[in-house]
Amino acid sequence: MRSVSRGIGGRESSRGAHDTGAGKFQGWKSPVRPYNSGMRIAKPLLLVTTPIGLAIGLYEGWRLAGGLVFIMGALMLVIAAAFGSVVYTIRKERAEEEERKKAQASQSPAPPGTES
């Protein structure tokens, strides 16, 4: 009988801490930690360090090339606008799809045998 161990995040695992599955290849995942545990810190870290890196890059660009930093900033704004338009389109299409599903659900007839 195997013991139940808790990994990071409190998820239960029926495998022991060092049991890799009797020779089966388990991929590059650790047998103890859940697959997606690194994303908890990665997203906030990226959200904080990216603007800091952009600001440092603009400052260094100013020191190196002076006025050309405005072109660099304009390029960053174009990339941000493109990314924002993609996010906006995805959210708009998702909302339209949800509205379409709600309209279909409200218009669909009752299943046979449920009328009283």
Protein backbone atom coordinates (compact mmCIF):
# COMPACT_ATOMS: atom_id res chain seq x y z
CA MET A 1 0.00 0.00 0.00
CA ARG A 2 1.40 3.38 -1.00
CA SER A 3 1.28 6.43 1.18
CA VAL A 4 -0.32 9.64 0.00
CA SER A 5 2.05 12.61 0.02
CA ARG A 6 1.30 16.27 -0.48
CA GLY A 7 3.41 18.26 -2.90
CA ILE A 8 3.74 21.99 -3.29
CA GLY A 9 0.32 23.62 -3.30
CA GLY A 10 -1.24 20.90 -1.15
CA ARG A 11 -2.08 18.59 -4.04
CA GLU A 12 -2.10 14.92 -3.19
CA SER A 13 0.13 12.47 -4.96
CA SER A 14 -0.08 8.71 -4.62
CA ARG A 15 3.57 8.38 -5.58
CA GLY A 16 6.31 8.59 -3.02
CA ALA A 17 8.79 11.45 -3.18
CA HIS A 18 11.40 9.32 -4.95
CA ASP A 19 9.17 6.88 -6.86
CA THR A 20 9.37 7.61 -10.58
CA GLY A 21 6.95 4.92 -11.71
CA ALA A 22 9.11 1.75 -11.98
CA GLY A 23 11.09 2.68 -15.06
CA LYS A 24 8.38 4.52 -17.01
CA PHE A 25 9.53 7.78 -18.55
CA GLN A 26 7.67 10.57 -16.77
CA GLY A 27 8.91 13.43 -18.91
CA TRP A 28 10.98 16.19 -17.39
CA LYS A 29 8.44 16.90 -14.66
CA SER A 30 9.45 16.52 -11.05
CA PRO A 31 7.51 13.71 -9.30
CA VAL A 32 6.98 15.96 -6.26
CA ARG A 33 5.88 19.32 -7.69
CA PRO A 34 2.77 19.87 -9.80
CA TYR A 35 3.35 20.70 -13.47
CA ASN A 36 2.30 24.36 -13.43
CA SER A 37 3.67 25.47 -10.04
CA GLY A 38 6.26 27.83 -11.56
CA MET A 39 3.62 30.05 -13.18
CA ARG A 40 2.53 31.41 -9.81
CA ILE A 41 5.71 33.45 -9.53
CA ALA A 42 6.53 33.84 -13.24
CA LYS A 43 3.55 36.02 -14.19
CA PRO A 44 3.98 38.64 -11.44
CA LEU A 45 7.72 38.63 -11.98
CA LEU A 46 7.30 39.32 -15.70
CA LEU A 47 4.66 41.98 -15.06
CA VAL A 48 7.06 43.83 -12.77
CA THR A 49 10.38 43.38 -14.56
CA THR A 50 9.23 44.12 -18.13
CA PRO A 51 8.33 47.81 -17.56
CA ILE A 52 11.49 48.26 -15.48
CA GLY A 53 13.56 46.75 -18.30
CA LEU A 54 11.88 48.99 -20.87
CA ALA A 55 12.58 52.08 -18.77
CA ILE A 56 16.22 51.10 -18.30
CA GLY A 57 16.50 50.39 -22.03
CA LEU A 58 15.11 53.81 -22.90
CA TYR A 59 17.51 55.47 -20.47
CA GLU A 60 20.50 53.61 -21.92
CA GLY A 61 19.28 54.44 -25.43
CA TRP A 62 19.22 58.12 -24.47
CA ARG A 63 22.77 57.89 -23.15
CA LEU A 64 23.99 56.08 -26.25
CA ALA A 65 22.14 57.76 -29.12
CA GLY A 66 20.37 60.81 -27.71
CA GLY A 67 17.33 61.70 -29.80
CA LEU A 68 17.04 58.28 -31.42
CA VAL A 69 15.41 57.08 -28.20
CA PHE A 70 12.19 58.70 -29.48
CA ILE A 71 12.16 56.25 -32.40
CA MET A 72 12.74 53.42 -29.95
CA GLY A 73 9.85 54.66 -27.79
CA ALA A 74 7.60 54.98 -30.84
CA LEU A 75 8.40 51.39 -31.78
CA MET A 76 7.48 50.25 -28.27
CA LEU A 77 4.18 52.13 -28.52
CA VAL A 78 3.38 50.51 -31.88
CA ILE A 79 4.09 47.05 -30.44
CA ALA A 80 1.94 47.82 -27.37
CA ALA A 81 -0.91 49.05 -29.59
CA ALA A 82 -0.74 45.90 -31.72
CA PHE A 83 -0.78 43.69 -28.64
CA GLY A 84 -3.65 45.68 -27.14
CA SER A 85 -5.70 45.39 -30.33
CA VAL A 86 -5.24 41.61 -30.33
CA VAL A 87 -6.37 41.39 -26.70
CA TYR A 88 -9.36 43.66 -27.41
CA THR A 89 -10.41 41.56 -30.42
CA ILE A 90 -10.16 38.31 -28.46
CA ARG A 91 -12.24 39.70 -25.59
CA LYS A 92 -14.85 41.12 -27.97
CA GLU A 93 -15.20 37.84 -29.87
CA ARG A 94 -15.43 35.86 -26.63
CA ALA A 95 -18.21 38.16 -25.37
CA GLU A 96 -20.09 37.78 -28.67
CA GLU A 97 -19.78 34.00 -28.47
CA GLU A 98 -21.13 33.98 -24.91
CA GLU A 99 -24.08 36.14 -25.96
CA ARG A 100 -24.77 33.78 -28.86
CA LYS A 101 -24.72 30.76 -26.52
CA LYS A 102 -27.07 32.48 -24.06
CA ALA A 103 -29.48 33.35 -26.89
CA GLN A 104 -29.44 29.76 -28.15
CA ALA A 105 -30.02 28.41 -24.64
CA SER A 106 -33.01 30.71 -24.08
CA GLN A 107 -34.57 29.87 -27.46
CA SER A 108 -34.09 26.11 -27.36
CA PRO A 109 -37.30 24.13 -26.74
CA ALA A 110 -37.71 22.03 -23.61
CA PRO A 111 -36.54 18.43 -23.99
CA PRO A 112 -39.33 15.92 -24.66
CA GLY A 113 -40.90 14.39 -21.57
CA THR A 114 -40.28 17.39 -19.30
CA GLU A 115 -43.64 19.11 -19.92
CA SER A 116 -46.18 18.77 -17.11
